[in-house]
Amino acid sequence: MDRADIDYIKPVRTFLLHWLNETREGDVKVVQVGANDGSMADPLAPVLGRFGWQAVLIEPVPRYFKALSAKYASNDNFRPRNFAISKEAGKATIYHLDEAHEEDYPGWARALLALHRQRFPKRNQFRKRLDWL
């Protein structure tokens, strides 16, 4: 996807979300898996707090969940949940970019998560060293 595609997608997405709101007369319920901090690369951020929608916001990484919870603390329509979704029940290690090195990488890298280390992008796909939790 090149930059021209990104510039085109945002207004189309915004239009579709507004259309959904009008079509459903504001009665929209959303489950967002991987809500992150509620801001970064969040396609719902422009409309979530605006229309009275109800949302379950799922974020497995504790520090992102903390920011997400703080953002929506005053809105009873939003229910942040701190867990991951997998085909198997239980506990798992989640691999993601180490907080100490987030500034060394493009912003989108912060959103990368994997339940299996071998599925996480290879270190040589980044310009600088990738550190794990």
N, C-alpha and C. Protein backbone atom coordinates (compact mmCIF):
# COMPACT_ATOMS: atom_id res chain seq x y z
N MET A 1 0.86 -1.17 0.00
CA MET A 1 0.00 0.00 0.00
C MET A 1 0.90 1.23 0.00
N ASP A 2 0.66 2.11 -0.94
CA ASP A 2 1.47 3.33 -0.95
C ASP A 2 0.73 4.47 -0.27
N ARG A 3 1.40 5.59 -0.12
CA ARG A 3 0.85 6.73 0.62
C ARG A 3 -0.47 7.23 0.02
N ALA A 4 -0.60 7.20 -1.29
CA ALA A 4 -1.84 7.65 -1.93
C ALA A 4 -3.03 6.80 -1.49
N ASP A 5 -2.82 5.49 -1.32
CA ASP A 5 -3.89 4.61 -0.86
C ASP A 5 -4.32 4.96 0.56
N ILE A 6 -3.35 5.26 1.41
CA ILE A 6 -3.65 5.59 2.80
C ILE A 6 -4.48 6.87 2.87
N ASP A 7 -4.12 7.87 2.10
CA ASP A 7 -4.87 9.12 2.08
C ASP A 7 -6.30 8.91 1.58
N TYR A 8 -6.50 7.96 0.71
CA TYR A 8 -7.81 7.67 0.15
C TYR A 8 -8.68 6.89 1.13
N ILE A 9 -8.08 5.99 1.88
CA ILE A 9 -8.83 5.10 2.76
C ILE A 9 -9.48 5.85 3.93
N LYS A 10 -8.78 6.77 4.53
CA LYS A 10 -9.30 7.44 5.73
C LYS A 10 -10.66 8.11 5.51
N PRO A 11 -10.83 8.93 4.47
CA PRO A 11 -12.17 9.54 4.30
C PRO A 11 -13.25 8.52 3.94
N VAL A 12 -12.88 7.47 3.23
CA VAL A 12 -13.87 6.43 2.90
C VAL A 12 -14.30 5.71 4.17
N ARG A 13 -13.34 5.38 5.03
CA ARG A 13 -13.66 4.72 6.30
C ARG A 13 -14.55 5.61 7.15
N THR A 14 -14.21 6.89 7.24
CA THR A 14 -15.00 7.83 8.02
C THR A 14 -16.43 7.91 7.47
N PHE A 15 -16.55 7.97 6.16
CA PHE A 15 -17.88 7.99 5.53
C PHE A 15 -18.67 6.74 5.90
N LEU A 16 -18.04 5.56 5.80
CA LEU A 16 -18.74 4.31 6.09
C LEU A 16 -19.17 4.22 7.56
N LEU A 17 -18.34 4.70 8.47
CA LEU A 17 -18.71 4.68 9.88
C LEU A 17 -19.87 5.63 10.16
N HIS A 18 -19.86 6.80 9.51
CA HIS A 18 -21.00 7.72 9.66
C HIS A 18 -22.27 7.11 9.04
N TRP A 19 -22.13 6.47 7.89
CA TRP A 19 -23.26 5.82 7.24
C TRP A 19 -23.83 4.72 8.15
N LEU A 20 -22.95 3.93 8.77
CA LEU A 20 -23.40 2.89 9.70
C LEU A 20 -24.18 3.51 10.85
N ASN A 21 -23.68 4.58 11.40
CA ASN A 21 -24.36 5.25 12.51
C ASN A 21 -25.75 5.74 12.09
N GLU A 22 -25.85 6.35 10.93
CA GLU A 22 -27.15 6.84 10.45
C GLU A 22 -28.10 5.70 10.14
N THR A 23 -27.60 4.65 9.50
CA THR A 23 -28.44 3.51 9.14
C THR A 23 -29.00 2.81 10.38
N ARG A 24 -28.18 2.70 11.41
CA ARG A 24 -28.59 2.03 12.64
C ARG A 24 -29.18 3.01 13.66
N GLU A 25 -29.37 4.27 13.24
CA GLU A 25 -29.92 5.31 14.10
C GLU A 25 -29.20 5.38 15.44
N GLY A 26 -27.87 5.26 15.38
CA GLY A 26 -27.04 5.38 16.57
C GLY A 26 -26.96 4.13 17.42
N ASP A 27 -27.73 3.09 17.08
CA ASP A 27 -27.73 1.86 17.87
C ASP A 27 -26.67 0.90 17.32
N VAL A 28 -25.41 1.20 17.63
CA VAL A 28 -24.29 0.41 17.12
C VAL A 28 -23.53 -0.18 18.30
N LYS A 29 -23.25 -1.47 18.19
CA LYS A 29 -22.46 -2.16 19.20
C LYS A 29 -21.23 -2.73 18.51
N VAL A 30 -20.06 -2.49 19.12
CA VAL A 30 -18.79 -2.85 18.50
C VAL A 30 -17.98 -3.71 19.45
N VAL A 31 -17.29 -4.71 18.90
CA VAL A 31 -16.26 -5.45 19.63
C VAL A 31 -14.97 -5.19 18.85
N GLN A 32 -14.03 -4.56 19.52
CA GLN A 32 -12.76 -4.25 18.87
C GLN A 32 -11.66 -5.10 19.51
N VAL A 33 -11.09 -6.00 18.72
CA VAL A 33 -10.02 -6.87 19.19
C VAL A 33 -8.70 -6.22 18.82
N GLY A 34 -7.86 -5.98 19.82
CA GLY A 34 -6.61 -5.27 19.59
C GLY A 34 -6.82 -3.78 19.60
N ALA A 35 -7.45 -3.28 20.64
CA ALA A 35 -7.80 -1.86 20.72
C ALA A 35 -6.60 -0.97 21.02
N ASN A 36 -5.47 -1.58 21.40
CA ASN A 36 -4.24 -0.84 21.72
C ASN A 36 -4.54 0.20 22.78
N ASP A 37 -4.12 1.46 22.56
CA ASP A 37 -4.33 2.51 23.56
C ASP A 37 -5.57 3.34 23.26
N GLY A 38 -6.32 2.95 22.22
CA GLY A 38 -7.53 3.68 21.85
C GLY A 38 -7.27 4.85 20.94
N SER A 39 -6.03 5.06 20.55
CA SER A 39 -5.69 6.18 19.68
C SER A 39 -4.85 5.74 18.48
N MET A 40 -3.75 5.05 18.75
CA MET A 40 -2.81 4.71 17.69
C MET A 40 -3.45 3.82 16.61
N ALA A 41 -3.48 4.31 15.40
CA ALA A 41 -3.99 3.56 14.25
C ALA A 41 -5.37 2.96 14.52
N ASP A 42 -6.17 3.63 15.30
CA ASP A 42 -7.50 3.13 15.66
C ASP A 42 -8.53 3.65 14.66
N PRO A 43 -9.07 2.77 13.83
CA PRO A 43 -10.04 3.22 12.83
C PRO A 43 -11.36 3.71 13.44
N LEU A 44 -11.64 3.33 14.69
CA LEU A 44 -12.88 3.73 15.33
C LEU A 44 -12.75 5.00 16.17
N ALA A 45 -11.53 5.42 16.46
CA ALA A 45 -11.31 6.57 17.34
C ALA A 45 -12.08 7.83 16.93
N PRO A 46 -12.17 8.13 15.62
CA PRO A 46 -12.89 9.36 15.25
C PRO A 46 -14.39 9.34 15.56
N VAL A 47 -14.97 8.16 15.73
CA VAL A 47 -16.42 8.09 15.90
C VAL A 47 -16.89 7.47 17.21
N LEU A 48 -16.05 6.71 17.87
CA LEU A 48 -16.50 5.96 19.05
C LEU A 48 -17.16 6.83 20.11
N GLY A 49 -16.52 7.88 20.54
CA GLY A 49 -17.08 8.70 21.60
C GLY A 49 -18.11 9.70 21.13
N ARG A 50 -18.32 9.78 19.86
CA ARG A 50 -19.17 10.80 19.27
C ARG A 50 -20.64 10.44 19.17
N PHE A 51 -20.93 9.17 18.93
CA PHE A 51 -22.29 8.77 18.59
C PHE A 51 -23.03 7.97 19.65
N GLY A 52 -22.44 7.73 20.79
CA GLY A 52 -23.13 6.95 21.82
C GLY A 52 -23.11 5.46 21.57
N TRP A 53 -22.19 5.00 20.73
CA TRP A 53 -22.07 3.58 20.49
C TRP A 53 -21.66 2.86 21.76
N GLN A 54 -21.94 1.56 21.80
CA GLN A 54 -21.46 0.71 22.88
C GLN A 54 -20.31 -0.13 22.33
N ALA A 55 -19.29 -0.35 23.16
CA ALA A 55 -18.13 -1.08 22.66
C ALA A 55 -17.47 -1.91 23.75
N VAL A 56 -17.06 -3.10 23.37
CA VAL A 56 -16.16 -3.91 24.18
C VAL A 56 -14.81 -3.78 23.49
N LEU A 57 -13.83 -3.28 24.23
CA LEU A 57 -12.51 -2.99 23.68
C LEU A 57 -11.50 -3.95 24.30
N ILE A 58 -10.97 -4.85 23.50
CA ILE A 58 -10.08 -5.90 23.99
C ILE A 58 -8.63 -5.56 23.67
N GLU A 59 -7.81 -5.54 24.71
CA GLU A 59 -6.38 -5.27 24.55
C GLU A 59 -5.59 -6.13 25.52
N PRO A 60 -4.70 -7.01 25.03
CA PRO A 60 -3.98 -7.92 25.91
C PRO A 60 -2.73 -7.33 26.59
N VAL A 61 -2.11 -6.32 26.02
CA VAL A 61 -0.87 -5.78 26.58
C VAL A 61 -1.20 -4.82 27.72
N PRO A 62 -0.74 -5.12 28.94
CA PRO A 62 -1.14 -4.33 30.11
C PRO A 62 -0.91 -2.82 29.98
N ARG A 63 0.21 -2.38 29.46
CA ARG A 63 0.45 -0.93 29.41
C ARG A 63 -0.45 -0.24 28.38
N TYR A 64 -0.77 -0.91 27.28
CA TYR A 64 -1.70 -0.33 26.31
C TYR A 64 -3.11 -0.35 26.88
N PHE A 65 -3.44 -1.43 27.59
CA PHE A 65 -4.75 -1.53 28.22
C PHE A 65 -4.95 -0.42 29.25
N LYS A 66 -3.91 -0.10 30.00
CA LYS A 66 -4.00 0.96 31.00
C LYS A 66 -4.34 2.30 30.33
N ALA A 67 -3.67 2.61 29.22
CA ALA A 67 -3.95 3.85 28.49
C ALA A 67 -5.36 3.82 27.90
N LEU A 68 -5.77 2.69 27.37
CA LEU A 68 -7.12 2.52 26.82
C LEU A 68 -8.18 2.75 27.89
N SER A 69 -7.98 2.15 29.05
CA SER A 69 -8.93 2.30 30.16
C SER A 69 -9.02 3.75 30.62
N ALA A 70 -7.88 4.42 30.69
CA ALA A 70 -7.86 5.83 31.11
C ALA A 70 -8.61 6.69 30.10
N LYS A 71 -8.43 6.41 28.81
CA LYS A 71 -9.08 7.22 27.77
C LYS A 71 -10.60 7.14 27.87
N TYR A 72 -11.12 5.96 28.16
CA TYR A 72 -12.57 5.76 28.17
C TYR A 72 -13.16 5.62 29.57
N ALA A 73 -12.42 6.00 30.59
CA ALA A 73 -12.87 5.84 31.98
C ALA A 73 -14.18 6.54 32.28
N SER A 74 -14.43 7.66 31.66
CA SER A 74 -15.63 8.43 31.97
C SER A 74 -16.84 8.05 31.11
N ASN A 75 -16.71 7.03 30.28
CA ASN A 75 -17.80 6.66 29.39
C ASN A 75 -18.27 5.24 29.70
N ASP A 76 -19.47 5.12 30.25
CA ASP A 76 -20.01 3.81 30.62
C ASP A 76 -20.38 2.94 29.43
N ASN A 77 -20.40 3.50 28.23
CA ASN A 77 -20.71 2.72 27.03
C ASN A 77 -19.54 1.85 26.58
N PHE A 78 -18.35 2.11 27.14
CA PHE A 78 -17.16 1.37 26.72
C PHE A 78 -16.69 0.45 27.83
N ARG A 79 -16.40 -0.77 27.47
CA ARG A 79 -15.94 -1.76 28.43
C ARG A 79 -14.59 -2.31 27.99
N PRO A 80 -13.50 -1.69 28.43
CA PRO A 80 -12.17 -2.23 28.11
C PRO A 80 -11.97 -3.57 28.83
N ARG A 81 -11.34 -4.51 28.14
CA ARG A 81 -11.06 -5.82 28.72
C ARG A 81 -9.61 -6.18 28.42
N ASN A 82 -8.92 -6.66 29.45
CA ASN A 82 -7.50 -6.99 29.33
C ASN A 82 -7.31 -8.49 29.18
N PHE A 83 -7.45 -8.97 27.95
CA PHE A 83 -7.18 -10.37 27.65
C PHE A 83 -6.92 -10.51 26.15
N ALA A 84 -6.42 -11.67 25.77
CA ALA A 84 -6.18 -11.98 24.36
C ALA A 84 -7.22 -12.99 23.89
N ILE A 85 -7.36 -13.11 22.60
CA ILE A 85 -8.28 -14.08 22.03
C ILE A 85 -7.45 -15.12 21.28
N SER A 86 -7.74 -16.37 21.58
CA SER A 86 -7.01 -17.47 20.95
C SER A 86 -7.97 -18.63 20.76
N LYS A 87 -7.57 -19.58 19.97
CA LYS A 87 -8.43 -20.76 19.77
C LYS A 87 -8.41 -21.70 20.97
N GLU A 88 -7.45 -21.49 21.90
CA GLU A 88 -7.33 -22.33 23.08
C GLU A 88 -7.44 -21.49 24.34
N ALA A 89 -8.14 -22.01 25.35
CA ALA A 89 -8.24 -21.32 26.63
C ALA A 89 -6.95 -21.50 27.42
N GLY A 90 -6.65 -20.55 28.29
CA GLY A 90 -5.48 -20.67 29.14
C GLY A 90 -4.67 -19.39 29.14
N LYS A 91 -3.41 -19.52 29.54
CA LYS A 91 -2.50 -18.39 29.59
C LYS A 91 -1.44 -18.55 28.52
N ALA A 92 -0.94 -17.42 28.04
CA ALA A 92 0.08 -17.46 26.99
C ALA A 92 1.01 -16.27 27.15
N THR A 93 2.20 -16.40 26.62
CA THR A 93 3.14 -15.29 26.55
C THR A 93 2.85 -14.53 25.27
N ILE A 94 2.77 -13.22 25.37
CA ILE A 94 2.56 -12.39 24.19
C ILE A 94 3.85 -11.62 23.93
N TYR A 95 4.36 -11.74 22.72
CA TYR A 95 5.59 -11.06 22.34
C TYR A 95 5.24 -9.75 21.65
N HIS A 96 5.93 -8.71 22.05
CA HIS A 96 5.73 -7.40 21.42
C HIS A 96 6.97 -6.56 21.61
N LEU A 97 7.00 -5.42 20.99
CA LEU A 97 8.15 -4.53 21.04
C LEU A 97 8.38 -4.05 22.47
N ASP A 98 9.62 -4.11 22.91
CA ASP A 98 9.97 -3.66 24.25
C ASP A 98 9.75 -2.15 24.35
N GLU A 99 9.12 -1.73 25.44
CA GLU A 99 8.79 -0.33 25.65
C GLU A 99 10.02 0.58 25.57
N ALA A 100 11.14 0.08 26.02
CA ALA A 100 12.37 0.89 26.03
C ALA A 100 12.86 1.22 24.61
N HIS A 101 12.37 0.50 23.61
CA HIS A 101 12.85 0.71 22.25
C HIS A 101 11.76 1.16 21.28
N GLU A 102 10.58 1.48 21.77
CA GLU A 102 9.49 1.88 20.88
C GLU A 102 9.84 3.08 20.01
N GLU A 103 10.57 4.02 20.55
CA GLU A 103 10.92 5.23 19.79
C GLU A 103 11.90 4.96 18.67
N ASP A 104 12.55 3.79 18.68
CA ASP A 104 13.54 3.46 17.65
C ASP A 104 12.90 2.91 16.38
N TYR A 105 11.59 2.68 16.40
CA TYR A 105 10.92 2.02 15.29
C TYR A 105 9.74 2.84 14.80
N PRO A 106 9.26 2.53 13.60
CA PRO A 106 8.06 3.23 13.12
C PRO A 106 6.89 3.00 14.07
N GLY A 107 5.98 3.93 14.16
CA GLY A 107 4.85 3.83 15.08
C GLY A 107 4.04 2.56 14.92
N TRP A 108 3.88 2.07 13.70
CA TRP A 108 3.08 0.88 13.47
C TRP A 108 3.68 -0.35 14.14
N ALA A 109 4.98 -0.37 14.41
CA ALA A 109 5.62 -1.55 15.01
C ALA A 109 5.11 -1.79 16.42
N ARG A 110 4.65 -0.74 17.09
CA ARG A 110 4.13 -0.89 18.44
C ARG A 110 2.89 -1.78 18.47
N ALA A 111 2.18 -1.86 17.39
CA ALA A 111 0.94 -2.64 17.34
C ALA A 111 1.18 -4.11 17.05
N LEU A 112 2.41 -4.50 16.77
CA LEU A 112 2.69 -5.89 16.45
C LEU A 112 2.69 -6.76 17.71
N LEU A 113 1.97 -7.84 17.65
CA LEU A 113 1.92 -8.82 18.74
C LEU A 113 1.95 -10.21 18.14
N ALA A 114 2.46 -11.16 18.91
CA ALA A 114 2.43 -12.55 18.47
C ALA A 114 2.36 -13.46 19.69
N LEU A 115 1.63 -14.54 19.57
CA LEU A 115 1.57 -15.54 20.64
C LEU A 115 2.71 -16.54 20.51
N HIS A 116 3.31 -16.60 19.36
CA HIS A 116 4.44 -17.49 19.11
C HIS A 116 5.60 -16.65 18.60
N ARG A 117 6.72 -16.73 19.29
CA ARG A 117 7.87 -15.89 18.94
C ARG A 117 8.30 -16.07 17.48
N GLN A 118 8.21 -17.27 16.97
CA GLN A 118 8.64 -17.51 15.59
C GLN A 118 7.72 -16.82 14.57
N ARG A 119 6.54 -16.40 14.98
CA ARG A 119 5.63 -15.69 14.07
C ARG A 119 5.82 -14.18 14.11
N PHE A 120 6.60 -13.72 15.07
CA PHE A 120 6.89 -12.28 15.16
C PHE A 120 7.87 -11.94 14.05
N PRO A 121 7.80 -10.74 13.47
CA PRO A 121 8.71 -10.39 12.38
C PRO A 121 10.18 -10.61 12.77
N LYS A 122 10.94 -11.04 11.79
CA LYS A 122 12.37 -11.27 12.02
C LYS A 122 13.07 -9.97 12.36
N ARG A 123 14.10 -10.08 13.16
CA ARG A 123 14.85 -8.90 13.58
C ARG A 123 15.37 -8.09 12.40
N ASN A 124 15.76 -8.73 11.33
CA ASN A 124 16.35 -7.99 10.21
C ASN A 124 15.31 -7.23 9.38
N GLN A 125 14.04 -7.32 9.74
CA GLN A 125 13.02 -6.54 9.05
C GLN A 125 12.93 -5.13 9.60
N PHE A 126 13.66 -4.84 10.65
CA PHE A 126 13.69 -3.52 11.25
C PHE A 126 15.07 -2.93 11.07
N ARG A 127 15.16 -1.61 11.05
CA ARG A 127 16.44 -0.96 10.87
C ARG A 127 17.35 -1.09 12.09
N LYS A 128 16.74 -1.16 13.25
CA LYS A 128 17.51 -1.27 14.49
C LYS A 128 17.11 -2.54 15.21
N ARG A 129 17.82 -2.84 16.28
CA ARG A 129 17.58 -4.07 17.02
C ARG A 129 16.15 -4.13 17.58
N LEU A 130 15.56 -5.29 17.48
CA LEU A 130 14.23 -5.52 18.03
C LEU A 130 14.37 -6.27 19.34
N ASP A 131 13.89 -5.69 20.42
CA ASP A 131 14.00 -6.33 21.73
C ASP A 131 12.64 -6.88 22.15
N TRP A 132 12.68 -8.01 22.80
CA TRP A 132 11.48 -8.68 23.25
C TRP A 132 11.27 -8.45 24.72
N LEU A 133 10.05 -8.56 25.16
CA LEU A 133 9.76 -8.54 26.59
C LEU A 133 10.34 -9.77 27.23
